[in-house]
Structures are given as structure tokens and as C-alpha cells.
Amino acid sequence: MVSPVFNLDKIMIFNAKYSVLFFISIYSLSINSVATDFASGNWGDTKQDIISIETRENYTPPGNQNFLVYKDKISIFKHSNIVYLFENNQLTDGYFDFQDEHILFQDYVEDYFIVQKQLSKKYALPVSNEQIWHPDAQIIEKPQWGNAIANDDLILKSIWHSDNSIITLQLSFQSNKMHHLLSYQSTRPDIEVMTPDAF
């Protein structure tokens, strides 16, 4: 599964100390008093259901019927987009888009592995953990992976399975910037998930 990259520039659109509170913050985005499938919602919820439940400020541009955008601080991430995606007015997918910027590319890699570690505590070890190198790239050591990603030579990707979801963490370089996404996709048989073309 290719993690969706939702181009928020088209629709409206620091180096921090790392904390164990990150796990608590990630988990808090996945519950609303009781466990939920993504952020504050469950697969199959309507757009109006999410609007009624969400307490964060709504940044969705007017007129769109297929997604909702909210923003929040998530532990070390001061700036994150929370995007709900709908098909036939049912919540099918969603993702956290971590927006913090760093001077050093390697700091994005450090962020990635912090998220990976904490998700593994919640969902167990990933079913897939990939370093995807460009065929023409020179494979280099981990301390230089940030530069490799910025050169579009490397993508980091990890996948977990839960009862109702496929969870994908990905760090890549697209549109001249780092993209650090944590995406959730429904695996419920009664939910028609969005195809890649829908993004």
C-alpha cells in the first residue's frame, strides 16, 4: 500500500527534545473516551459525525465533500494536520501529517524512529519495515539517511495491522520537502476504501 500524500497546498492549505509523552499523545489521538479507529472517529462515521465529535479547529476549505482537515500539537510535533477521508460519506482512511521543520535532514529520521518505536509498543512489531532505495542510489549508513531521503534516494516505510486497520508510517521527499505521514486505512469488509487516484 502506498501511503497517501494529500496536497494541502492545493486545497487551502526546531529541533525539540524528545519525550516519552509522544506515545501518550499518539494514543490520545486514537481515542475519544473509548478506543476509536482513527483520531476521534470510527470507520463508517459520516462527515457530520466527525464534525460533531471533533473539538479541534476545523481547517477544511468550504465546499469539499470528501475530507476534513484539523490541526493539533502532538508531543514533539508542534504542527500536525489531521486529515479524515471519506468515500460515499463514510470514513475510510485518515492520516497525521507531521509538519515540523528541521534544519538537519537527519532530525526527520530521528523523528521517524521515535514514532516507529512508540507505535510498536501499541501494535507490536511492524509486519513490514522497509528501507526503499532508488535502484541507482548508493546505499549509505543510517547516520546519512536524512541526506539520502532529501536526495530522493530513500523512503522509510513501516506497516502495522490492527483489528480494523492498516497503519503505515512513511518518511519520503516530495515536492521539495520532507513528508512524514502516519496513515490509517480501514480493513472492514463493509467499508469501501479510497483508491490511490482519490488522493
N, C-alpha and C. Protein backbone atom coordinates (compact mmCIF):
# COMPACT_ATOMS: atom_id res chain seq x y z
N MET A 1 0.84 -1.19 0.00
CA MET A 1 0.00 0.00 0.00
C MET A 1 0.87 1.24 0.00
N VAL A 2 0.61 2.17 -0.88
CA VAL A 2 1.37 3.42 -0.93
C VAL A 2 0.68 4.42 -0.02
N SER A 3 1.42 4.98 0.93
CA SER A 3 0.82 5.95 1.84
C SER A 3 0.34 7.16 1.07
N PRO A 4 -0.88 7.64 1.35
CA PRO A 4 -1.39 8.79 0.62
C PRO A 4 -0.66 10.06 0.99
N VAL A 5 -0.41 10.90 0.00
CA VAL A 5 0.15 12.23 0.25
C VAL A 5 -0.90 13.23 -0.21
N PHE A 6 -1.56 13.88 0.73
CA PHE A 6 -2.66 14.77 0.44
C PHE A 6 -2.09 16.17 0.28
N ASN A 7 -2.23 16.79 -0.88
CA ASN A 7 -1.59 18.07 -1.17
C ASN A 7 -2.39 19.21 -0.59
N LEU A 8 -2.09 19.56 0.66
CA LEU A 8 -2.83 20.62 1.34
C LEU A 8 -2.54 21.98 0.75
N ASP A 9 -1.42 22.14 0.02
CA ASP A 9 -1.13 23.41 -0.63
C ASP A 9 -2.18 23.72 -1.68
N LYS A 10 -2.71 22.69 -2.30
CA LYS A 10 -3.67 22.89 -3.37
C LYS A 10 -5.07 23.12 -2.84
N ILE A 11 -5.43 22.58 -1.71
CA ILE A 11 -6.80 22.69 -1.25
C ILE A 11 -7.00 23.85 -0.29
N MET A 12 -6.06 24.46 0.31
CA MET A 12 -6.22 25.61 1.19
C MET A 12 -4.91 26.16 1.58
N ILE A 13 -4.76 24.84 1.66
CA ILE A 13 -3.89 24.56 2.69
C ILE A 13 -3.49 25.54 3.71
N PHE A 14 12.97 22.43 14.56
CA PHE A 14 13.36 23.04 15.76
C PHE A 14 13.96 21.89 16.52
N ASN A 15 14.30 22.03 16.37
CA ASN A 15 14.91 20.85 16.96
C ASN A 15 14.44 20.77 18.40
N ALA A 16 13.60 19.80 18.77
CA ALA A 16 12.99 19.72 20.09
C ALA A 16 13.56 18.54 20.87
N LYS A 17 13.39 18.58 22.18
CA LYS A 17 13.78 17.44 23.00
C LYS A 17 12.69 16.38 22.90
N TYR A 18 13.12 15.13 22.71
CA TYR A 18 12.15 14.07 22.52
C TYR A 18 11.69 13.54 23.87
N SER A 19 10.42 13.19 23.93
CA SER A 19 9.81 12.84 25.21
C SER A 19 9.03 11.55 25.11
N VAL A 20 8.99 10.82 26.21
CA VAL A 20 8.16 9.63 26.27
C VAL A 20 6.70 9.98 26.17
N LEU A 21 6.36 11.24 26.37
CA LEU A 21 4.97 11.67 26.23
C LEU A 21 4.45 11.51 24.82
N PHE A 22 5.36 11.29 23.85
CA PHE A 22 4.92 11.13 22.47
C PHE A 22 3.94 9.97 22.34
N PHE A 23 4.24 8.85 23.01
CA PHE A 23 3.34 7.71 22.92
C PHE A 23 1.96 8.06 23.45
N ILE A 24 1.92 8.78 24.57
CA ILE A 24 0.64 9.17 25.14
C ILE A 24 -0.12 10.05 24.17
N SER A 25 0.58 10.97 23.50
CA SER A 25 -0.07 11.88 22.57
C SER A 25 -0.59 11.15 21.36
N ILE A 26 0.20 10.24 20.77
CA ILE A 26 -0.27 9.45 19.63
C ILE A 26 -1.50 8.65 20.03
N TYR A 27 -1.45 8.05 21.22
CA TYR A 27 -2.57 7.24 21.66
C TYR A 27 -3.80 8.11 21.88
N SER A 28 -3.62 9.31 22.41
CA SER A 28 -4.76 10.17 22.68
C SER A 28 -5.46 10.59 21.40
N LEU A 29 -4.73 10.62 20.27
CA LEU A 29 -5.38 10.94 19.01
C LEU A 29 -6.19 9.77 18.48
N SER A 30 -6.03 8.61 19.05
CA SER A 30 -6.73 7.43 18.57
C SER A 30 -7.89 7.04 19.46
N ILE A 31 -8.18 7.85 20.48
CA ILE A 31 -9.27 7.51 21.37
C ILE A 31 -10.11 8.74 21.64
N ASN A 32 -11.35 8.50 21.98
CA ASN A 32 -12.23 9.55 22.44
C ASN A 32 -13.08 8.94 23.54
N SER A 33 -12.51 8.84 24.73
CA SER A 33 -13.07 8.14 25.88
C SER A 33 -12.96 6.62 25.68
N VAL A 34 -13.37 6.12 24.52
CA VAL A 34 -13.19 4.70 24.21
C VAL A 34 -12.33 4.62 22.96
N ALA A 35 -11.83 3.42 22.66
CA ALA A 35 -10.95 3.25 21.51
C ALA A 35 -11.69 3.58 20.23
N THR A 36 -10.99 4.25 19.32
CA THR A 36 -11.55 4.58 18.01
C THR A 36 -10.59 4.09 16.94
N ASP A 37 -11.06 4.10 15.68
CA ASP A 37 -10.24 3.58 14.59
C ASP A 37 -9.20 4.60 14.13
N PHE A 38 -9.59 5.86 14.04
CA PHE A 38 -8.65 6.91 13.64
C PHE A 38 -9.04 8.22 14.32
N ALA A 39 -8.06 8.83 15.01
CA ALA A 39 -8.28 10.10 15.70
C ALA A 39 -9.55 10.02 16.53
N SER A 40 -10.53 10.88 16.26
CA SER A 40 -11.76 10.86 17.06
C SER A 40 -12.87 10.03 16.45
N GLY A 41 -12.60 9.36 15.32
CA GLY A 41 -13.67 8.69 14.60
C GLY A 41 -13.51 7.20 14.45
N ASN A 42 -14.57 6.57 14.01
CA ASN A 42 -14.58 5.15 13.68
C ASN A 42 -14.90 4.98 12.21
N TRP A 43 -14.39 3.91 11.61
CA TRP A 43 -14.68 3.64 10.20
C TRP A 43 -16.19 3.57 9.99
N GLY A 44 -16.64 4.23 8.96
CA GLY A 44 -18.06 4.27 8.67
C GLY A 44 -18.76 5.51 9.18
N ASP A 45 -18.11 6.28 10.05
CA ASP A 45 -18.69 7.54 10.51
C ASP A 45 -18.91 8.47 9.32
N THR A 46 -19.94 9.27 9.40
CA THR A 46 -20.19 10.26 8.36
C THR A 46 -19.37 11.51 8.62
N LYS A 47 -19.32 12.36 7.63
CA LYS A 47 -18.62 13.63 7.78
C LYS A 47 -19.22 14.45 8.92
N GLN A 48 -20.55 14.46 9.02
CA GLN A 48 -21.20 15.21 10.08
C GLN A 48 -20.92 14.60 11.45
N ASP A 49 -20.80 13.28 11.52
CA ASP A 49 -20.43 12.63 12.78
C ASP A 49 -19.11 13.18 13.29
N ILE A 50 -18.11 13.27 12.39
CA ILE A 50 -16.79 13.75 12.80
C ILE A 50 -16.84 15.22 13.20
N ILE A 51 -17.56 16.03 12.43
CA ILE A 51 -17.68 17.45 12.77
C ILE A 51 -18.29 17.61 14.15
N SER A 52 -19.25 16.76 14.49
CA SER A 52 -19.92 16.86 15.79
C SER A 52 -19.01 16.41 16.93
N ILE A 53 -18.12 15.43 16.64
CA ILE A 53 -17.27 14.87 17.69
C ILE A 53 -16.01 15.69 17.90
N GLU A 54 -15.39 16.16 16.82
CA GLU A 54 -14.09 16.82 16.89
C GLU A 54 -14.16 18.12 17.70
N THR A 55 -13.19 18.30 18.58
CA THR A 55 -13.11 19.53 19.37
C THR A 55 -12.03 20.47 18.85
N ARG A 56 -11.20 20.00 17.91
CA ARG A 56 -10.15 20.85 17.35
C ARG A 56 -10.74 21.78 16.29
N GLU A 57 -9.98 22.85 15.98
CA GLU A 57 -10.46 23.81 14.99
C GLU A 57 -10.45 23.18 13.59
N ASN A 58 -11.53 23.40 12.87
CA ASN A 58 -11.71 22.83 11.54
C ASN A 58 -11.06 23.74 10.50
N TYR A 59 -10.09 23.19 9.76
CA TYR A 59 -9.38 23.95 8.73
C TYR A 59 -9.78 23.50 7.32
N THR A 60 -10.88 22.78 7.20
CA THR A 60 -11.31 22.30 5.90
C THR A 60 -11.81 23.46 5.05
N PRO A 61 -11.34 23.58 3.80
CA PRO A 61 -11.86 24.64 2.93
C PRO A 61 -13.32 24.37 2.59
N PRO A 62 -14.10 25.40 2.37
CA PRO A 62 -15.53 25.21 2.10
C PRO A 62 -15.77 24.48 0.78
N GLY A 63 -16.86 23.72 0.76
CA GLY A 63 -17.31 23.12 -0.48
C GLY A 63 -16.82 21.72 -0.76
N ASN A 64 -15.85 21.22 0.01
CA ASN A 64 -15.33 19.88 -0.28
C ASN A 64 -16.16 18.84 0.46
N GLN A 65 -16.43 17.72 -0.20
CA GLN A 65 -17.29 16.69 0.38
C GLN A 65 -16.53 15.43 0.81
N ASN A 66 -15.24 15.34 0.51
CA ASN A 66 -14.54 14.07 0.68
C ASN A 66 -13.49 14.06 1.79
N PHE A 67 -13.25 15.17 2.46
CA PHE A 67 -12.25 15.16 3.51
C PHE A 67 -12.53 16.26 4.54
N LEU A 68 -11.92 16.09 5.71
CA LEU A 68 -11.92 17.11 6.75
C LEU A 68 -10.48 17.28 7.23
N VAL A 69 -10.09 18.52 7.54
CA VAL A 69 -8.73 18.81 7.99
C VAL A 69 -8.79 19.54 9.33
N TYR A 70 -8.06 19.02 10.31
CA TYR A 70 -7.90 19.66 11.60
C TYR A 70 -6.41 19.78 11.88
N LYS A 71 -6.07 20.57 12.88
CA LYS A 71 -4.67 20.75 13.27
C LYS A 71 -4.53 20.54 14.77
N ASP A 72 -3.36 20.03 15.17
CA ASP A 72 -3.12 19.81 16.59
C ASP A 72 -1.62 19.74 16.86
N LYS A 73 -1.24 19.90 18.12
CA LYS A 73 0.12 19.66 18.57
C LYS A 73 0.19 18.22 19.06
N ILE A 74 1.23 17.51 18.64
CA ILE A 74 1.40 16.11 19.04
C ILE A 74 2.79 15.96 19.63
N SER A 75 2.88 16.09 20.93
CA SER A 75 4.14 15.94 21.65
C SER A 75 5.26 16.76 21.02
N ILE A 76 6.29 16.13 20.46
CA ILE A 76 7.40 16.88 19.88
C ILE A 76 7.00 17.62 18.62
N PHE A 77 5.87 17.23 18.03
CA PHE A 77 5.41 17.87 16.81
C PHE A 77 4.49 19.04 17.16
N LYS A 78 4.96 20.23 16.94
CA LYS A 78 4.15 21.41 17.24
C LYS A 78 3.08 21.66 16.18
N HIS A 79 3.31 21.15 14.99
CA HIS A 79 2.40 21.41 13.88
C HIS A 79 2.08 20.09 13.17
N SER A 80 0.83 19.67 13.25
CA SER A 80 0.39 18.44 12.59
C SER A 80 -0.99 18.65 12.00
N ASN A 81 -1.18 18.14 10.78
CA ASN A 81 -2.51 18.10 10.18
C ASN A 81 -3.13 16.74 10.47
N ILE A 82 -4.42 16.75 10.78
CA ILE A 82 -5.19 15.54 10.99
C ILE A 82 -6.24 15.51 9.89
N VAL A 83 -6.15 14.54 8.99
CA VAL A 83 -6.99 14.53 7.79
C VAL A 83 -7.87 13.28 7.80
N TYR A 84 -9.18 13.50 7.76
CA TYR A 84 -10.17 12.44 7.63
C TYR A 84 -10.59 12.34 6.16
N LEU A 85 -10.64 11.13 5.63
CA LEU A 85 -11.01 10.91 4.23
C LEU A 85 -12.27 10.06 4.15
N PHE A 86 -13.17 10.45 3.26
CA PHE A 86 -14.49 9.82 3.18
C PHE A 86 -14.75 9.30 1.76
N GLU A 87 -15.43 8.17 1.70
CA GLU A 87 -15.93 7.62 0.44
C GLU A 87 -17.41 7.29 0.66
N ASN A 88 -18.27 7.84 -0.21
CA ASN A 88 -19.72 7.68 -0.04
C ASN A 88 -20.17 8.11 1.35
N ASN A 89 -19.55 9.21 1.83
CA ASN A 89 -19.87 9.80 3.13
C ASN A 89 -19.62 8.83 4.29
N GLN A 90 -18.64 7.94 4.11
CA GLN A 90 -18.20 7.06 5.19
C GLN A 90 -16.71 7.27 5.41
N LEU A 91 -16.30 7.37 6.67
CA LEU A 91 -14.88 7.47 6.99
C LEU A 91 -14.18 6.18 6.63
N THR A 92 -13.21 6.27 5.72
CA THR A 92 -12.49 5.08 5.24
C THR A 92 -11.00 5.12 5.53
N ASP A 93 -10.43 6.31 5.59
CA ASP A 93 -8.99 6.49 5.75
C ASP A 93 -8.75 7.77 6.54
N GLY A 94 -7.54 7.88 7.05
CA GLY A 94 -7.13 9.13 7.68
C GLY A 94 -5.64 9.13 7.89
N TYR A 95 -5.09 10.31 8.09
CA TYR A 95 -3.65 10.35 8.36
C TYR A 95 -3.26 11.58 9.15
N PHE A 96 -2.16 11.42 9.89
CA PHE A 96 -1.49 12.51 10.58
C PHE A 96 -0.32 12.95 9.70
N ASP A 97 -0.28 14.21 9.38
CA ASP A 97 0.79 14.79 8.57
C ASP A 97 1.64 15.67 9.48
N PHE A 98 2.81 15.17 9.88
CA PHE A 98 3.67 15.90 10.81
C PHE A 98 4.40 17.00 10.06
N GLN A 99 4.19 18.25 10.48
CA GLN A 99 4.60 19.41 9.71
C GLN A 99 5.84 20.13 10.25
N ASP A 100 6.35 19.72 11.42
CA ASP A 100 7.51 20.42 11.96
C ASP A 100 8.69 20.38 11.00
N GLU A 101 9.42 21.48 10.92
CA GLU A 101 10.58 21.57 10.03
C GLU A 101 11.87 21.56 10.83
N HIS A 102 12.89 20.94 10.26
CA HIS A 102 14.21 20.86 10.86
C HIS A 102 15.26 21.42 9.91
N ILE A 103 16.34 21.91 10.47
CA ILE A 103 17.47 22.35 9.66
C ILE A 103 18.23 21.14 9.12
N LEU A 104 18.44 20.15 9.98
CA LEU A 104 19.18 18.95 9.60
C LEU A 104 18.22 17.87 9.12
N PHE A 105 18.47 17.32 7.95
CA PHE A 105 17.60 16.27 7.41
C PHE A 105 17.59 15.05 8.32
N GLN A 106 18.69 14.77 8.99
CA GLN A 106 18.75 13.59 9.83
C GLN A 106 17.78 13.67 11.01
N ASP A 107 17.39 14.88 11.40
CA ASP A 107 16.43 15.02 12.50
C ASP A 107 15.06 14.46 12.12
N TYR A 108 14.71 14.51 10.85
CA TYR A 108 13.47 13.88 10.41
C TYR A 108 13.53 12.37 10.58
N VAL A 109 14.69 11.81 10.32
CA VAL A 109 14.88 10.37 10.50
C VAL A 109 14.74 10.00 11.97
N GLU A 110 15.32 10.82 12.85
CA GLU A 110 15.18 10.56 14.28
C GLU A 110 13.71 10.60 14.69
N ASP A 111 12.97 11.58 14.19
CA ASP A 111 11.52 11.65 14.47
C ASP A 111 10.83 10.36 14.02
N TYR A 112 11.17 9.91 12.83
CA TYR A 112 10.55 8.70 12.27
C TYR A 112 10.73 7.51 13.20
N PHE A 113 11.94 7.31 13.69
CA PHE A 113 12.19 6.14 14.52
C PHE A 113 11.58 6.28 15.91
N ILE A 114 11.39 7.50 16.39
CA ILE A 114 10.65 7.68 17.65
C ILE A 114 9.20 7.24 17.47
N VAL A 115 8.57 7.69 16.37
CA VAL A 115 7.20 7.29 16.09
C VAL A 115 7.11 5.78 15.91
N GLN A 116 8.04 5.23 15.15
CA GLN A 116 8.03 3.79 14.91
C GLN A 116 8.11 3.00 16.22
N LYS A 117 8.97 3.42 17.11
CA LYS A 117 9.14 2.72 18.38
C LYS A 117 7.86 2.76 19.20
N GLN A 118 7.23 3.92 19.26
CA GLN A 118 6.05 4.04 20.09
C GLN A 118 4.86 3.31 19.49
N LEU A 119 4.74 3.31 18.17
CA LEU A 119 3.67 2.54 17.54
C LEU A 119 3.88 1.04 17.75
N SER A 120 5.12 0.61 17.78
CA SER A 120 5.40 -0.81 18.02
C SER A 120 5.02 -1.21 19.44
N LYS A 121 5.07 -0.29 20.38
CA LYS A 121 4.61 -0.58 21.73
C LYS A 121 3.10 -0.80 21.76
N LYS A 122 2.39 -0.09 20.88
CA LYS A 122 0.94 -0.19 20.84
C LYS A 122 0.45 -1.36 20.00
N TYR A 123 1.07 -1.57 18.82
CA TYR A 123 0.58 -2.56 17.86
C TYR A 123 1.49 -3.78 17.72
N ALA A 124 2.55 -3.86 18.50
CA ALA A 124 3.59 -4.88 18.36
C ALA A 124 4.49 -4.53 17.18
N LEU A 125 5.44 -5.38 16.89
CA LEU A 125 6.42 -5.07 15.85
C LEU A 125 5.72 -4.95 14.49
N PRO A 126 6.22 -4.07 13.62
CA PRO A 126 5.58 -3.92 12.30
C PRO A 126 5.65 -5.21 11.49
N VAL A 127 4.60 -5.41 10.67
CA VAL A 127 4.61 -6.57 9.78
C VAL A 127 5.53 -6.34 8.60
N SER A 128 5.84 -5.08 8.33
CA SER A 128 6.77 -4.72 7.26
C SER A 128 7.57 -3.52 7.71
N ASN A 129 8.87 -3.57 7.49
CA ASN A 129 9.76 -2.48 7.89
C ASN A 129 10.79 -2.33 6.78
N GLU A 130 10.62 -1.30 5.93
CA GLU A 130 11.39 -1.22 4.70
C GLU A 130 12.25 0.04 4.62
N GLN A 131 13.42 -0.14 4.05
CA GLN A 131 14.22 0.97 3.53
C GLN A 131 14.22 0.79 2.01
N ILE A 132 13.51 1.65 1.32
CA ILE A 132 13.31 1.50 -0.12
C ILE A 132 14.30 2.43 -0.83
N TRP A 133 15.32 1.84 -1.43
CA TRP A 133 16.38 2.61 -2.08
C TRP A 133 16.09 2.72 -3.58
N HIS A 134 16.39 3.87 -4.13
CA HIS A 134 16.32 4.05 -5.58
C HIS A 134 17.33 3.10 -6.22
N PRO A 135 16.96 2.48 -7.35
CA PRO A 135 17.87 1.50 -7.98
C PRO A 135 19.26 2.05 -8.28
N ASP A 136 19.37 3.34 -8.55
CA ASP A 136 20.67 3.93 -8.90
C ASP A 136 21.37 4.55 -7.70
N ALA A 137 20.78 4.45 -6.52
CA ALA A 137 21.35 5.11 -5.34
C ALA A 137 22.48 4.29 -4.74
N GLN A 138 23.42 4.99 -4.13
CA GLN A 138 24.46 4.33 -3.35
C GLN A 138 23.93 4.14 -1.94
N ILE A 139 23.86 2.90 -1.48
CA ILE A 139 23.34 2.62 -0.14
C ILE A 139 24.36 3.07 0.89
N ILE A 140 23.92 3.92 1.82
CA ILE A 140 24.83 4.50 2.81
C ILE A 140 24.36 4.16 4.21
N GLU A 141 25.18 4.48 5.19
CA GLU A 141 24.90 4.14 6.58
C GLU A 141 23.79 5.03 7.15
N LYS A 142 23.14 4.53 8.20
CA LYS A 142 21.99 5.19 8.81
C LYS A 142 22.23 6.64 9.19
N PRO A 143 23.40 7.03 9.72
CA PRO A 143 23.60 8.45 10.08
C PRO A 143 23.50 9.41 8.91
N GLN A 144 23.50 8.90 7.67
CA GLN A 144 23.37 9.75 6.48
C GLN A 144 22.03 9.56 5.76
N TRP A 145 21.11 8.83 6.38
CA TRP A 145 19.85 8.56 5.72
C TRP A 145 19.04 9.83 5.44
N GLY A 146 19.15 10.81 6.31
CA GLY A 146 18.42 12.06 6.08
C GLY A 146 18.78 12.69 4.75
N ASN A 147 20.08 12.71 4.44
CA ASN A 147 20.53 13.26 3.15
C ASN A 147 20.04 12.39 1.99
N ALA A 148 20.05 11.07 2.21
CA ALA A 148 19.59 10.17 1.15
C ALA A 148 18.11 10.40 0.84
N ILE A 149 17.31 10.60 1.87
CA ILE A 149 15.88 10.86 1.66
C ILE A 149 15.70 12.19 0.94
N ALA A 150 16.45 13.22 1.37
CA ALA A 150 16.34 14.54 0.74
C ALA A 150 16.79 14.51 -0.72
N ASN A 151 17.63 13.55 -1.07
CA ASN A 151 18.05 13.38 -2.47
C ASN A 151 17.10 12.48 -3.24
N ASP A 152 16.02 12.06 -2.58
CA ASP A 152 15.03 11.16 -3.19
C ASP A 152 15.64 9.81 -3.54
N ASP A 153 16.63 9.41 -2.77
CA ASP A 153 17.26 8.10 -2.96
C ASP A 153 16.67 7.03 -2.03
N LEU A 154 15.91 7.45 -1.01
CA LEU A 154 15.48 6.52 0.03
C LEU A 154 14.10 6.92 0.54
N ILE A 155 13.28 5.92 0.81
CA ILE A 155 11.99 6.08 1.50
C ILE A 155 11.99 5.11 2.68
N LEU A 156 11.60 5.60 3.85
CA LEU A 156 11.42 4.74 5.01
C LEU A 156 9.94 4.44 5.18
N LYS A 157 9.61 3.17 5.42
CA LYS A 157 8.21 2.78 5.49
C LYS A 157 8.03 1.60 6.43
N SER A 158 7.08 1.73 7.36
CA SER A 158 6.74 0.64 8.27
C SER A 158 5.23 0.46 8.27
N ILE A 159 4.79 -0.80 8.40
CA ILE A 159 3.36 -1.11 8.35
C ILE A 159 2.99 -2.01 9.54
N TRP A 160 1.86 -1.67 10.17
CA TRP A 160 1.28 -2.48 11.23
C TRP A 160 -0.14 -2.86 10.84
N HIS A 161 -0.64 -3.94 11.44
CA HIS A 161 -2.04 -4.33 11.30
C HIS A 161 -2.71 -4.30 12.66
N SER A 162 -3.91 -3.72 12.71
CA SER A 162 -4.75 -3.83 13.90
C SER A 162 -6.02 -4.57 13.50
N ASP A 163 -6.98 -4.67 14.41
CA ASP A 163 -8.19 -5.43 14.12
C ASP A 163 -8.94 -4.88 12.92
N ASN A 164 -8.97 -3.54 12.77
CA ASN A 164 -9.78 -2.92 11.73
C ASN A 164 -8.98 -2.07 10.75
N SER A 165 -7.65 -2.05 10.86
CA SER A 165 -6.89 -1.05 10.12
C SER A 165 -5.54 -1.57 9.65
N ILE A 166 -5.05 -0.93 8.60
CA ILE A 166 -3.65 -1.00 8.20
C ILE A 166 -3.04 0.36 8.56
N ILE A 167 -1.97 0.34 9.31
CA ILE A 167 -1.31 1.57 9.76
C ILE A 167 0.03 1.66 9.07
N THR A 168 0.28 2.78 8.40
CA THR A 168 1.52 2.95 7.63
C THR A 168 2.22 4.23 8.06
N LEU A 169 3.48 4.09 8.42
CA LEU A 169 4.34 5.22 8.73
C LEU A 169 5.34 5.37 7.60
N GLN A 170 5.45 6.58 7.05
CA GLN A 170 6.34 6.77 5.91
C GLN A 170 7.04 8.12 5.99
N LEU A 171 8.32 8.10 5.66
CA LEU A 171 9.11 9.32 5.53
C LEU A 171 9.71 9.34 4.14
N SER A 172 9.40 10.40 3.38
CA SER A 172 9.86 10.50 2.00
C SER A 172 10.09 11.97 1.66
N PHE A 173 10.55 12.21 0.46
CA PHE A 173 10.80 13.57 -0.01
C PHE A 173 9.99 13.79 -1.28
N GLN A 174 9.05 14.75 -1.21
CA GLN A 174 8.18 15.02 -2.35
C GLN A 174 7.91 16.52 -2.41
N SER A 175 7.81 17.02 -3.62
CA SER A 175 7.52 18.45 -3.83
C SER A 175 8.49 19.34 -3.07
N ASN A 176 9.77 18.94 -3.09
CA ASN A 176 10.85 19.72 -2.48
C ASN A 176 10.74 19.86 -0.97
N LYS A 177 10.11 18.90 -0.31
CA LYS A 177 10.06 18.94 1.15
C LYS A 177 9.92 17.52 1.70
N MET A 178 10.28 17.38 2.97
CA MET A 178 10.10 16.11 3.66
C MET A 178 8.62 15.89 3.94
N HIS A 179 8.18 14.64 3.76
CA HIS A 179 6.82 14.25 4.09
C HIS A 179 6.88 13.12 5.11
N HIS A 180 6.37 13.41 6.32
CA HIS A 180 6.34 12.41 7.39
C HIS A 180 4.87 12.16 7.72
N LEU A 181 4.36 11.01 7.28
CA LEU A 181 2.93 10.71 7.39
C LEU A 181 2.71 9.43 8.18
N LEU A 182 1.65 9.46 9.00
CA LEU A 182 1.17 8.27 9.68
C LEU A 182 -0.27 8.06 9.23
N SER A 183 -0.50 7.05 8.39
CA SER A 183 -1.81 6.87 7.78
C SER A 183 -2.50 5.62 8.32
N TYR A 184 -3.83 5.70 8.34
CA TYR A 184 -4.69 4.60 8.77
C TYR A 184 -5.69 4.31 7.65
N GLN A 185 -5.90 3.04 7.34
CA GLN A 185 -6.85 2.64 6.33
C GLN A 185 -7.72 1.51 6.85
N SER A 186 -9.03 1.64 6.65
CA SER A 186 -9.96 0.62 7.12
C SER A 186 -9.74 -0.71 6.41
N THR A 187 -9.86 -1.80 7.16
CA THR A 187 -9.88 -3.14 6.57
C THR A 187 -11.23 -3.82 6.81
N ARG A 188 -12.20 -3.05 7.29
CA ARG A 188 -13.53 -3.62 7.48
C ARG A 188 -14.14 -4.00 6.13
N PRO A 189 -14.67 -5.20 6.00
CA PRO A 189 -15.19 -5.63 4.69
C PRO A 189 -16.38 -4.82 4.22
N ASP A 190 -17.09 -4.15 5.14
CA ASP A 190 -18.27 -3.37 4.74
C ASP A 190 -17.93 -1.94 4.39
N ILE A 191 -16.64 -1.57 4.44
CA ILE A 191 -16.21 -0.21 4.14
C ILE A 191 -15.45 -0.19 2.82
N GLU A 192 -15.89 0.63 1.89
CA GLU A 192 -15.21 0.77 0.61
C GLU A 192 -14.12 1.82 0.74
N VAL A 193 -12.87 1.39 0.73
CA VAL A 193 -11.77 2.33 0.95
C VAL A 193 -11.47 3.10 -0.31
N MET A 194 -10.82 4.26 -0.13
CA MET A 194 -10.47 5.10 -1.25
C MET A 194 -9.33 4.49 -2.03
N THR A 195 -9.34 4.67 -3.33
CA THR A 195 -8.25 4.21 -4.19
C THR A 195 -7.17 5.28 -4.24
N PRO A 196 -5.93 4.93 -4.61
CA PRO A 196 -4.87 5.95 -4.69
C PRO A 196 -5.24 7.13 -5.56
N ASP A 197 -6.03 6.91 -6.63
CA ASP A 197 -6.39 8.02 -7.50
C ASP A 197 -7.22 9.07 -6.80
N ALA A 198 -7.89 8.66 -5.69
CA ALA A 198 -8.75 9.59 -4.97
C ALA A 198 -7.96 10.64 -4.23
N PHE A 199 -6.65 10.43 -4.04
CA PHE A 199 -5.83 11.38 -3.33
C PHE A 199 -5.23 12.39 -4.28
